[in-house]
Amino acid sequence: MTRITAAQHRVQQASDLAAVLDAAYEAFEAMLSAIDPVQDPASGLFAAFVMAAASAANGRNAVALAPSLPGHPLAVPAGQRPWPGERPERLAEVVAGLSHLVAGRLSRAAACAPDTGDRAACTHAARSARDICGLLSTSGP
């Protein structure tokens, strides 16, 4: 199981605000670790990957500011290299799918979060996830 697949599963299974925040944080980290090795200036996806990486870092940082984010990870992240040998186009598609899922979960969490800090963090991170999806997906969010 790759780190992206593990992150997707965690986001899908998250049942409360703390779990959603923790899973979203890990998902943004997984996106960053998957995007980094495929940032090739000769690729037609170079600019999209660079911008998506910046949005993933912004989303991760927004989640990190959420008051309800657990102080320690709820699950140990998978340590495998993400998608070794995979075509950049396929990786873009997979990361876009994960970002779409994360955006939806964070948007729903923002709507239900009782704390204004959590709502702001979820809203900002969801916007970053939608940006990633828009950059890497031909169909958009």
N, C-alpha and C. Protein backbone atom coordinates (compact mmCIF):
# COMPACT_ATOMS: atom_id res chain seq x y z
N MET A 1 0.85 -1.18 0.00
CA MET A 1 0.00 0.00 0.00
C MET A 1 0.90 1.24 0.00
N THR A 2 0.65 2.17 -0.88
CA THR A 2 1.46 3.38 -0.91
C THR A 2 0.99 4.36 0.14
N ARG A 3 1.79 5.36 0.36
CA ARG A 3 1.43 6.38 1.34
C ARG A 3 0.17 7.13 0.91
N ILE A 4 0.02 7.38 -0.39
CA ILE A 4 -1.18 8.06 -0.91
C ILE A 4 -2.42 7.19 -0.65
N THR A 5 -2.33 5.91 -0.93
CA THR A 5 -3.46 5.01 -0.71
C THR A 5 -3.80 4.93 0.77
N ALA A 6 -2.78 4.85 1.62
CA ALA A 6 -3.01 4.81 3.06
C ALA A 6 -3.67 6.10 3.54
N ALA A 7 -3.21 7.23 3.02
CA ALA A 7 -3.79 8.52 3.41
C ALA A 7 -5.25 8.61 2.96
N GLN A 8 -5.52 8.14 1.76
CA GLN A 8 -6.90 8.15 1.26
C GLN A 8 -7.80 7.31 2.17
N HIS A 9 -7.33 6.16 2.55
CA HIS A 9 -8.11 5.29 3.44
C HIS A 9 -8.36 5.97 4.78
N ARG A 10 -7.33 6.60 5.34
CA ARG A 10 -7.49 7.29 6.64
C ARG A 10 -8.50 8.43 6.53
N VAL A 11 -8.44 9.19 5.45
CA VAL A 11 -9.39 10.30 5.28
C VAL A 11 -10.82 9.76 5.19
N GLN A 12 -10.99 8.68 4.44
CA GLN A 12 -12.31 8.07 4.30
C GLN A 12 -12.84 7.54 5.62
N GLN A 13 -11.97 7.01 6.47
CA GLN A 13 -12.39 6.37 7.72
C GLN A 13 -12.50 7.34 8.89
N ALA A 14 -12.00 8.55 8.76
CA ALA A 14 -12.01 9.51 9.87
C ALA A 14 -13.45 9.79 10.30
N SER A 15 -13.69 9.68 11.60
CA SER A 15 -15.07 9.76 12.08
C SER A 15 -15.39 10.99 12.92
N ASP A 16 -14.38 11.68 13.42
CA ASP A 16 -14.64 12.88 14.20
C ASP A 16 -13.66 13.98 13.77
N LEU A 17 -13.84 15.17 14.32
CA LEU A 17 -13.03 16.31 13.89
C LEU A 17 -11.54 16.05 14.05
N ALA A 18 -11.13 15.54 15.21
CA ALA A 18 -9.71 15.29 15.44
C ALA A 18 -9.16 14.29 14.42
N ALA A 19 -9.91 13.25 14.14
CA ALA A 19 -9.47 12.25 13.16
C ALA A 19 -9.41 12.82 11.76
N VAL A 20 -10.37 13.66 11.39
CA VAL A 20 -10.36 14.30 10.07
C VAL A 20 -9.14 15.21 9.95
N LEU A 21 -8.88 16.01 10.97
CA LEU A 21 -7.72 16.90 10.95
C LEU A 21 -6.42 16.11 10.84
N ASP A 22 -6.30 15.06 11.64
CA ASP A 22 -5.10 14.23 11.63
C ASP A 22 -4.91 13.56 10.27
N ALA A 23 -5.99 13.02 9.72
CA ALA A 23 -5.91 12.36 8.42
C ALA A 23 -5.61 13.37 7.31
N ALA A 24 -6.19 14.56 7.39
CA ALA A 24 -5.93 15.59 6.38
C ALA A 24 -4.46 16.03 6.45
N TYR A 25 -3.93 16.19 7.65
CA TYR A 25 -2.52 16.56 7.80
C TYR A 25 -1.64 15.52 7.12
N GLU A 26 -1.90 14.25 7.41
CA GLU A 26 -1.12 13.18 6.79
C GLU A 26 -1.32 13.14 5.28
N ALA A 27 -2.53 13.42 4.81
CA ALA A 27 -2.78 13.43 3.36
C ALA A 27 -1.97 14.51 2.68
N PHE A 28 -1.92 15.70 3.27
CA PHE A 28 -1.11 16.77 2.68
C PHE A 28 0.37 16.38 2.68
N GLU A 29 0.83 15.75 3.76
CA GLU A 29 2.22 15.27 3.81
C GLU A 29 2.47 14.22 2.72
N ALA A 30 1.52 13.31 2.53
CA ALA A 30 1.66 12.28 1.50
C ALA A 30 1.70 12.90 0.11
N MET A 31 0.86 13.91 -0.11
CA MET A 31 0.88 14.60 -1.41
C MET A 31 2.24 15.24 -1.65
N LEU A 32 2.78 15.90 -0.64
CA LEU A 32 4.10 16.52 -0.78
C LEU A 32 5.17 15.49 -1.10
N SER A 33 5.16 14.37 -0.38
CA SER A 33 6.19 13.36 -0.61
C SER A 33 6.04 12.69 -1.98
N ALA A 34 4.82 12.65 -2.51
CA ALA A 34 4.60 12.05 -3.83
C ALA A 34 4.98 13.02 -4.94
N ILE A 35 4.71 14.29 -4.74
CA ILE A 35 4.97 15.30 -5.77
C ILE A 35 6.46 15.60 -5.90
N ASP A 36 7.16 15.65 -4.79
CA ASP A 36 8.57 16.06 -4.80
C ASP A 36 9.44 15.32 -5.82
N PRO A 37 9.39 13.99 -5.87
CA PRO A 37 10.29 13.29 -6.80
C PRO A 37 9.94 13.46 -8.28
N VAL A 38 8.74 13.92 -8.60
CA VAL A 38 8.35 14.02 -10.02
C VAL A 38 8.41 15.45 -10.55
N GLN A 39 8.94 16.37 -9.77
CA GLN A 39 9.06 17.76 -10.23
C GLN A 39 10.26 17.88 -11.17
N ASP A 40 10.00 17.60 -12.44
CA ASP A 40 11.03 17.64 -13.47
C ASP A 40 10.79 18.86 -14.35
N PRO A 41 11.74 19.79 -14.39
CA PRO A 41 11.56 21.00 -15.22
C PRO A 41 11.30 20.70 -16.69
N ALA A 42 11.67 19.53 -17.16
CA ALA A 42 11.44 19.18 -18.57
C ALA A 42 10.02 18.68 -18.82
N SER A 43 9.28 18.43 -17.74
CA SER A 43 7.93 17.88 -17.86
C SER A 43 6.92 19.00 -18.11
N GLY A 44 5.90 18.66 -18.86
CA GLY A 44 4.81 19.60 -19.09
C GLY A 44 3.98 19.83 -17.83
N LEU A 45 4.15 18.98 -16.83
CA LEU A 45 3.43 19.11 -15.56
C LEU A 45 4.24 19.83 -14.48
N PHE A 46 5.43 20.30 -14.85
CA PHE A 46 6.31 20.90 -13.84
C PHE A 46 5.64 22.03 -13.08
N ALA A 47 5.09 23.00 -13.77
CA ALA A 47 4.48 24.15 -13.09
C ALA A 47 3.30 23.71 -12.23
N ALA A 48 2.48 22.81 -12.74
CA ALA A 48 1.34 22.33 -11.96
C ALA A 48 1.80 21.61 -10.70
N PHE A 49 2.84 20.79 -10.81
CA PHE A 49 3.34 20.08 -9.63
C PHE A 49 3.94 21.05 -8.61
N VAL A 50 4.68 22.05 -9.07
CA VAL A 50 5.28 23.03 -8.15
C VAL A 50 4.18 23.79 -7.41
N MET A 51 3.18 24.23 -8.15
CA MET A 51 2.09 24.97 -7.52
C MET A 51 1.26 24.06 -6.60
N ALA A 52 1.06 22.82 -7.00
CA ALA A 52 0.32 21.87 -6.16
C ALA A 52 1.09 21.60 -4.87
N ALA A 53 2.40 21.50 -4.96
CA ALA A 53 3.22 21.29 -3.76
C ALA A 53 3.08 22.48 -2.81
N ALA A 54 3.08 23.68 -3.35
CA ALA A 54 2.91 24.87 -2.51
C ALA A 54 1.53 24.85 -1.84
N SER A 55 0.50 24.46 -2.57
CA SER A 55 -0.84 24.37 -1.99
C SER A 55 -0.91 23.27 -0.93
N ALA A 56 -0.23 22.16 -1.16
CA ALA A 56 -0.21 21.09 -0.16
C ALA A 56 0.48 21.56 1.12
N ALA A 57 1.56 22.30 0.98
CA ALA A 57 2.24 22.84 2.17
C ALA A 57 1.33 23.84 2.89
N ASN A 58 0.64 24.67 2.12
CA ASN A 58 -0.29 25.64 2.74
C ASN A 58 -1.42 24.92 3.47
N GLY A 59 -1.97 23.87 2.86
CA GLY A 59 -3.03 23.11 3.50
C GLY A 59 -2.56 22.43 4.76
N ARG A 60 -1.39 21.82 4.69
CA ARG A 60 -0.81 21.16 5.87
C ARG A 60 -0.61 22.18 6.99
N ASN A 61 -0.07 23.35 6.64
CA ASN A 61 0.17 24.37 7.65
C ASN A 61 -1.13 24.90 8.25
N ALA A 62 -2.16 25.02 7.44
CA ALA A 62 -3.46 25.46 7.96
C ALA A 62 -4.01 24.44 8.95
N VAL A 63 -3.94 23.16 8.60
CA VAL A 63 -4.42 22.11 9.50
C VAL A 63 -3.60 22.12 10.80
N ALA A 64 -2.31 22.38 10.70
CA ALA A 64 -1.45 22.40 11.88
C ALA A 64 -1.89 23.44 12.90
N LEU A 65 -2.59 24.48 12.45
CA LEU A 65 -3.05 25.54 13.35
C LEU A 65 -4.40 25.24 14.00
N ALA A 66 -5.04 24.15 13.60
CA ALA A 66 -6.35 23.82 14.16
C ALA A 66 -6.22 23.42 15.63
N PRO A 67 -6.99 24.05 16.50
CA PRO A 67 -6.91 23.72 17.92
C PRO A 67 -7.23 22.26 18.24
N SER A 68 -8.05 21.63 17.44
CA SER A 68 -8.46 20.25 17.72
C SER A 68 -7.55 19.20 17.09
N LEU A 69 -6.49 19.62 16.38
CA LEU A 69 -5.55 18.65 15.83
C LEU A 69 -4.85 17.95 17.00
N PRO A 70 -4.85 16.62 17.03
CA PRO A 70 -4.18 15.92 18.12
C PRO A 70 -2.70 16.29 18.18
N GLY A 71 -2.15 16.32 19.38
CA GLY A 71 -0.75 16.65 19.57
C GLY A 71 0.19 15.58 19.08
N HIS A 72 -0.32 14.41 18.84
CA HIS A 72 0.46 13.30 18.32
C HIS A 72 -0.36 12.63 17.23
N PRO A 73 0.29 12.03 16.26
CA PRO A 73 -0.47 11.37 15.19
C PRO A 73 -1.35 10.25 15.73
N LEU A 74 -2.55 10.14 15.18
CA LEU A 74 -3.46 9.06 15.58
C LEU A 74 -3.06 7.74 14.94
N ALA A 75 -2.32 7.81 13.85
CA ALA A 75 -1.85 6.60 13.17
C ALA A 75 -0.45 6.87 12.65
N VAL A 76 0.35 5.83 12.58
CA VAL A 76 1.70 5.97 12.06
C VAL A 76 1.63 5.98 10.54
N PRO A 77 2.19 7.02 9.88
CA PRO A 77 2.13 7.06 8.42
C PRO A 77 2.93 5.93 7.78
N ALA A 78 2.45 5.50 6.63
CA ALA A 78 3.16 4.48 5.87
C ALA A 78 4.49 5.04 5.39
N GLY A 79 5.52 4.22 5.38
CA GLY A 79 6.84 4.73 5.05
C GLY A 79 7.31 4.44 3.63
N GLN A 80 6.50 3.82 2.80
CA GLN A 80 6.94 3.46 1.47
C GLN A 80 7.13 4.69 0.58
N ARG A 81 8.00 4.54 -0.39
CA ARG A 81 8.11 5.58 -1.42
C ARG A 81 6.81 5.56 -2.21
N PRO A 82 6.24 6.74 -2.45
CA PRO A 82 4.96 6.79 -3.15
C PRO A 82 5.10 6.52 -4.63
N TRP A 83 4.31 5.61 -5.13
CA TRP A 83 4.16 5.37 -6.56
C TRP A 83 5.48 5.28 -7.31
N PRO A 84 6.41 4.43 -6.87
CA PRO A 84 7.69 4.35 -7.58
C PRO A 84 7.49 3.92 -9.03
N GLY A 85 8.13 4.63 -9.94
CA GLY A 85 8.08 4.29 -11.35
C GLY A 85 6.79 4.68 -12.06
N GLU A 86 5.89 5.32 -11.38
CA GLU A 86 4.59 5.68 -11.98
C GLU A 86 4.76 6.91 -12.86
N ARG A 87 4.00 6.95 -13.94
CA ARG A 87 4.01 8.11 -14.84
C ARG A 87 3.52 9.35 -14.08
N PRO A 88 4.11 10.52 -14.32
CA PRO A 88 3.68 11.74 -13.66
C PRO A 88 2.19 12.05 -13.88
N GLU A 89 1.68 11.74 -15.06
CA GLU A 89 0.26 11.98 -15.35
C GLU A 89 -0.64 11.15 -14.43
N ARG A 90 -0.25 9.92 -14.19
CA ARG A 90 -1.02 9.05 -13.30
C ARG A 90 -0.92 9.55 -11.86
N LEU A 91 0.26 9.96 -11.45
CA LEU A 91 0.43 10.50 -10.11
C LEU A 91 -0.42 11.76 -9.92
N ALA A 92 -0.45 12.61 -10.94
CA ALA A 92 -1.28 13.82 -10.87
C ALA A 92 -2.74 13.45 -10.67
N GLU A 93 -3.20 12.45 -11.37
CA GLU A 93 -4.58 11.99 -11.25
C GLU A 93 -4.88 11.47 -9.85
N VAL A 94 -3.98 10.71 -9.29
CA VAL A 94 -4.18 10.12 -7.96
C VAL A 94 -4.14 11.21 -6.89
N VAL A 95 -3.19 12.13 -6.98
CA VAL A 95 -3.10 13.21 -6.01
C VAL A 95 -4.34 14.11 -6.11
N ALA A 96 -4.81 14.36 -7.33
CA ALA A 96 -6.03 15.15 -7.51
C ALA A 96 -7.22 14.47 -6.84
N GLY A 97 -7.32 13.16 -6.97
CA GLY A 97 -8.40 12.43 -6.32
C GLY A 97 -8.33 12.53 -4.81
N LEU A 98 -7.14 12.38 -4.25
CA LEU A 98 -6.98 12.51 -2.80
C LEU A 98 -7.31 13.92 -2.36
N SER A 99 -6.86 14.91 -3.09
CA SER A 99 -7.13 16.30 -2.70
C SER A 99 -8.63 16.60 -2.77
N HIS A 100 -9.31 16.02 -3.73
CA HIS A 100 -10.77 16.21 -3.82
C HIS A 100 -11.46 15.63 -2.58
N LEU A 101 -11.04 14.44 -2.18
CA LEU A 101 -11.59 13.79 -0.98
C LEU A 101 -11.30 14.64 0.26
N VAL A 102 -10.07 15.10 0.40
CA VAL A 102 -9.68 15.91 1.55
C VAL A 102 -10.49 17.21 1.59
N ALA A 103 -10.66 17.85 0.44
CA ALA A 103 -11.44 19.10 0.40
C ALA A 103 -12.86 18.88 0.89
N GLY A 104 -13.48 17.80 0.47
CA GLY A 104 -14.84 17.51 0.90
C GLY A 104 -14.94 17.25 2.39
N ARG A 105 -14.02 16.43 2.91
CA ARG A 105 -14.05 16.12 4.35
C ARG A 105 -13.78 17.36 5.19
N LEU A 106 -12.83 18.18 4.76
CA LEU A 106 -12.53 19.39 5.52
C LEU A 106 -13.66 20.41 5.44
N SER A 107 -14.31 20.51 4.30
CA SER A 107 -15.45 21.42 4.17
C SER A 107 -16.58 21.01 5.11
N ARG A 108 -16.85 19.71 5.17
CA ARG A 108 -17.89 19.22 6.09
C ARG A 108 -17.47 19.43 7.54
N ALA A 109 -16.20 19.22 7.84
CA ALA A 109 -15.70 19.44 9.20
C ALA A 109 -15.82 20.91 9.58
N ALA A 110 -15.52 21.80 8.65
CA ALA A 110 -15.62 23.23 8.92
C ALA A 110 -17.05 23.62 9.26
N ALA A 111 -18.00 23.01 8.58
CA ALA A 111 -19.41 23.34 8.81
C ALA A 111 -19.89 22.88 10.18
N CYS A 112 -19.24 21.88 10.75
CA CYS A 112 -19.68 21.31 12.03
C CYS A 112 -18.79 21.68 13.21
N ALA A 113 -17.63 22.25 12.96
CA ALA A 113 -16.68 22.51 14.04
C ALA A 113 -17.19 23.61 14.96
N PRO A 114 -17.23 23.35 16.27
CA PRO A 114 -17.72 24.37 17.20
C PRO A 114 -16.72 25.50 17.44
N ASP A 115 -15.44 25.25 17.26
CA ASP A 115 -14.39 26.23 17.53
C ASP A 115 -14.10 27.05 16.27
N THR A 116 -14.01 28.36 16.40
CA THR A 116 -13.74 29.22 15.24
C THR A 116 -12.36 28.95 14.65
N GLY A 117 -11.39 28.59 15.48
CA GLY A 117 -10.06 28.26 14.98
C GLY A 117 -10.08 27.02 14.12
N ASP A 118 -10.85 26.03 14.53
CA ASP A 118 -10.98 24.81 13.74
C ASP A 118 -11.70 25.11 12.43
N ARG A 119 -12.76 25.91 12.49
CA ARG A 119 -13.49 26.25 11.27
C ARG A 119 -12.58 26.97 10.28
N ALA A 120 -11.81 27.94 10.77
CA ALA A 120 -10.90 28.69 9.89
C ALA A 120 -9.84 27.77 9.30
N ALA A 121 -9.26 26.90 10.12
CA ALA A 121 -8.22 25.98 9.64
C ALA A 121 -8.79 25.03 8.59
N CYS A 122 -9.96 24.47 8.86
CA CYS A 122 -10.58 23.54 7.90
C CYS A 122 -10.93 24.25 6.59
N THR A 123 -11.47 25.45 6.69
CA THR A 123 -11.85 26.20 5.49
C THR A 123 -10.63 26.52 4.64
N HIS A 124 -9.56 26.99 5.28
CA HIS A 124 -8.34 27.34 4.55
C HIS A 124 -7.71 26.09 3.92
N ALA A 125 -7.64 25.01 4.69
CA ALA A 125 -7.04 23.77 4.17
C ALA A 125 -7.88 23.18 3.05
N ALA A 126 -9.21 23.27 3.17
CA ALA A 126 -10.09 22.77 2.11
C ALA A 126 -9.86 23.56 0.82
N ARG A 127 -9.67 24.86 0.94
CA ARG A 127 -9.39 25.70 -0.24
C ARG A 127 -8.07 25.26 -0.89
N SER A 128 -7.07 24.98 -0.08
CA SER A 128 -5.79 24.51 -0.62
C SER A 128 -5.96 23.17 -1.34
N ALA A 129 -6.75 22.28 -0.76
CA ALA A 129 -6.99 20.97 -1.39
C ALA A 129 -7.74 21.14 -2.72
N ARG A 130 -8.71 22.06 -2.76
CA ARG A 130 -9.41 22.30 -4.03
C ARG A 130 -8.46 22.89 -5.07
N ASP A 131 -7.52 23.72 -4.62
CA ASP A 131 -6.52 24.27 -5.56
C ASP A 131 -5.69 23.15 -6.17
N ILE A 132 -5.26 22.20 -5.34
CA ILE A 132 -4.47 21.07 -5.83
C ILE A 132 -5.27 20.30 -6.87
N CYS A 133 -6.51 20.02 -6.54
CA CYS A 133 -7.37 19.28 -7.46
C CYS A 133 -7.49 20.03 -8.79
N GLY A 134 -7.70 21.31 -8.73
CA GLY A 134 -7.81 22.10 -9.95
C GLY A 134 -6.53 22.13 -10.76
N LEU A 135 -5.40 22.13 -10.09
CA LEU A 135 -4.11 22.16 -10.80
C LEU A 135 -3.78 20.83 -11.47
N LEU A 136 -4.17 19.73 -10.83
CA LEU A 136 -3.72 18.42 -11.30
C LEU A 136 -4.78 17.59 -11.98
N SER A 137 -6.00 18.08 -12.02
CA SER A 137 -7.09 17.31 -12.60
C SER A 137 -7.65 18.02 -13.83
N THR A 138 -7.91 17.25 -14.88
CA THR A 138 -8.53 17.85 -16.06
C THR A 138 -10.01 18.04 -15.87
N SER A 139 -10.59 17.27 -14.93
CA SER A 139 -12.04 17.40 -14.70
C SER A 139 -12.36 18.37 -13.58
N GLY A 140 -11.35 18.75 -12.72
CA GLY A 140 -11.59 19.68 -11.63
C GLY A 140 -12.32 19.01 -10.49
N PRO A 141 -12.53 19.76 -9.37
CA PRO A 141 -13.16 19.18 -8.18
C PRO A 141 -14.64 18.96 -8.34
